[in-house]
């Protein structure tokens, strides 16, 4: 009876995954701190909601990335949190529609987090293609086949 073969990630896959995850963590962490730092200066609760959301996203993705072993895996967490940041910014538009001073900040945030989402998606797709081309694909690549 043969022992089941466990397919493991290649070092190339791990490096690509870590790069993708680090990119999203850096963008969302720095963006969340930048846009979320004004939560302590805002007076109205409606103004604080989107800013607090960005801080929560920044802390959440940083904790996730620093959790042992998470940074090497291919996960939907960075992608989901990037999408959540766009949703939080859209909610900020809706909640702060009567505040003309907040309009420019909301436009800037939407451009920033929307661009971040596109960049994270493109990097994730591109790194998968590069890993497959260089032979680290988990299904078809020669480096990922278990030793017999």
Protein backbone atom coordinates (compact mmCIF):
# COMPACT_ATOMS: atom_id res chain seq x y z
CA UNK A 1 0.00 0.00 0.00
CA UNK A 2 1.43 3.31 -1.05
CA UNK A 3 1.52 6.24 1.28
CA UNK A 4 -0.40 9.24 0.00
CA UNK A 5 1.81 11.81 -1.62
CA UNK A 6 1.49 15.30 -0.24
CA UNK A 7 1.96 18.06 -2.69
CA UNK A 8 3.97 20.87 -1.18
CA UNK A 9 4.62 24.37 -2.35
CA UNK A 10 7.81 25.00 -4.20
CA UNK A 11 10.17 27.71 -2.98
CA UNK A 12 9.27 29.69 -6.09
CA UNK A 13 5.59 29.59 -5.19
CA UNK A 14 6.34 30.61 -1.63
CA UNK A 15 8.38 33.61 -2.77
CA UNK A 16 5.67 34.71 -5.20
CA UNK A 17 2.96 34.33 -2.55
CA UNK A 18 4.99 36.26 -0.01
CA UNK A 19 5.57 39.06 -2.51
CA UNK A 20 1.86 39.28 -3.33
CA UNK A 21 0.91 39.27 0.34
CA UNK A 22 3.58 41.80 1.28
CA UNK A 23 2.46 44.16 -1.48
CA UNK A 24 -1.14 44.13 -0.26
CA UNK A 25 -0.07 44.41 3.38
CA UNK A 26 2.17 47.39 2.70
CA UNK A 27 -0.42 49.24 0.62
CA UNK A 28 -3.34 48.60 2.95
CA UNK A 29 -1.27 49.10 6.09
CA UNK A 30 0.19 52.43 5.04
CA UNK A 31 -3.04 53.59 3.40
CA UNK A 32 -5.06 52.57 6.43
CA UNK A 33 -2.74 54.45 8.76
CA UNK A 34 -2.70 57.51 6.51
CA UNK A 35 -6.45 57.76 5.93
CA UNK A 36 -7.42 56.32 9.32
CA UNK A 37 -5.25 58.56 11.49
CA UNK A 38 -7.80 61.38 11.21
CA UNK A 39 -10.37 59.32 13.13
CA UNK A 40 -9.14 61.02 16.30
CA UNK A 41 -9.66 64.49 14.81
CA UNK A 42 -13.18 63.97 13.47
CA UNK A 43 -16.10 65.21 15.56
CA UNK A 44 -19.12 63.43 14.06
CA UNK A 45 -19.61 59.67 14.23
CA UNK A 46 -20.59 59.58 10.58
CA UNK A 47 -17.19 61.04 9.73
CA UNK A 48 -15.38 58.51 11.90
CA UNK A 49 -16.87 55.36 10.37
CA UNK A 50 -14.75 55.16 7.21
CA UNK A 51 -11.60 56.34 8.99
CA UNK A 52 -12.01 53.71 11.70
CA UNK A 53 -12.65 51.10 9.01
CA UNK A 54 -9.31 51.89 7.39
CA UNK A 55 -7.52 51.54 10.72
CA UNK A 56 -9.19 48.19 11.36
CA UNK A 57 -8.22 46.97 7.88
CA UNK A 58 -4.61 48.13 8.40
CA UNK A 59 -4.31 46.38 11.75
CA UNK A 60 -6.13 43.28 10.48
CA UNK A 61 -3.94 42.72 7.45
CA UNK A 62 -0.77 43.39 9.43
CA UNK A 63 -1.75 40.87 12.11
CA UNK A 64 -2.71 38.35 9.42
CA UNK A 65 0.60 38.79 7.58
CA UNK A 66 2.68 38.46 10.74
CA UNK A 67 0.81 35.34 11.87
CA UNK A 68 3.23 32.39 11.53
CA UNK A 69 3.13 30.83 8.07
CA UNK A 70 0.42 33.06 6.61
CA UNK A 71 2.72 35.22 4.52
CA UNK A 72 3.83 32.24 2.37
CA UNK A 73 0.34 30.99 1.48
CA UNK A 74 -1.81 31.99 -1.47
CA UNK A 75 -4.79 33.48 0.28
CA UNK A 76 -7.85 35.54 -0.56
CA UNK A 77 -7.44 37.61 2.64
CA UNK A 78 -5.34 40.40 1.07
CA UNK A 79 -7.62 40.56 -1.94
CA UNK A 80 -10.74 40.58 0.23
CA UNK A 81 -9.40 43.32 2.48
CA UNK A 82 -8.45 45.39 -0.57
CA UNK A 83 -12.03 45.09 -1.80
CA UNK A 84 -13.32 45.89 1.68
CA UNK A 85 -11.27 49.11 1.72
CA UNK A 86 -13.03 50.22 -1.48
CA UNK A 87 -16.41 49.36 0.05
CA UNK A 88 -15.53 51.32 3.21
CA UNK A 89 -14.58 54.33 1.08
CA UNK A 90 -17.85 54.13 -0.85
CA UNK A 91 -19.67 54.01 2.51
CA UNK A 92 -17.70 57.13 3.47
CA UNK A 93 -19.04 58.85 0.35
CA UNK A 94 -22.58 58.02 1.36
CA UNK A 95 -22.19 58.96 5.03
CA UNK A 96 -20.31 62.20 4.37
CA UNK A 97 -22.31 63.42 1.38
CA UNK A 98 -23.30 66.63 3.19
CA UNK A 99 -19.72 67.58 4.13
CA UNK A 100 -17.99 69.45 1.28
CA UNK A 101 -14.58 69.27 3.01
CA UNK A 102 -14.72 65.48 3.12
CA UNK A 103 -15.51 65.15 -0.59
CA UNK A 104 -11.87 65.62 -1.72
CA UNK A 105 -10.61 63.15 0.88
CA UNK A 106 -13.18 60.61 -0.26
CA UNK A 107 -12.18 61.04 -3.91
CA UNK A 108 -8.51 60.62 -2.99
CA UNK A 109 -9.28 57.55 -0.90
CA UNK A 110 -11.34 55.97 -3.64
CA UNK A 111 -8.60 56.54 -6.19
CA UNK A 112 -5.97 55.18 -3.78
CA UNK A 113 -7.84 52.08 -2.60
CA UNK A 114 -9.35 51.42 -6.05
CA UNK A 115 -5.88 51.53 -7.59
CA UNK A 116 -4.60 49.30 -4.80
CA UNK A 117 -7.29 46.72 -5.53
CA UNK A 118 -6.43 46.72 -9.24
CA UNK A 119 -2.72 46.44 -8.46
CA UNK A 120 -3.21 43.55 -6.01
CA UNK A 121 -5.40 41.73 -8.54
CA UNK A 122 -2.91 42.27 -11.37
CA UNK A 123 0.06 41.22 -9.26
CA UNK A 124 -1.73 38.10 -8.07
CA UNK A 125 -2.61 37.11 -11.63
CA UNK A 126 0.83 37.99 -12.99
CA UNK A 127 2.79 36.16 -10.31
CA UNK A 128 0.76 33.01 -10.91
CA UNK A 129 1.63 33.18 -14.61
CA UNK A 130 5.32 33.76 -13.88
CA UNK A 131 5.46 30.86 -11.41
CA UNK A 132 3.77 28.58 -13.94
CA UNK A 133 6.16 29.66 -16.70
CA UNK A 134 9.21 29.08 -14.51
CA UNK A 135 8.05 25.62 -13.51
CA UNK A 136 6.56 26.15 -10.08
CA UNK A 137 2.91 25.49 -10.92
CA UNK A 138 1.38 23.14 -8.34
CA UNK A 139 -0.38 21.06 -11.00
CA UNK A 140 1.75 21.20 -14.14
CA UNK A 141 5.17 22.42 -13.08
CA UNK A 142 8.15 20.05 -12.94
CA UNK A 143 9.41 21.50 -9.66
CA UNK A 144 6.22 20.70 -7.81
CA UNK A 145 5.97 16.99 -8.55
CA UNK A 146 6.59 14.92 -5.45
CA UNK A 147 9.58 12.65 -5.44
CA UNK A 148 8.80 9.00 -6.01
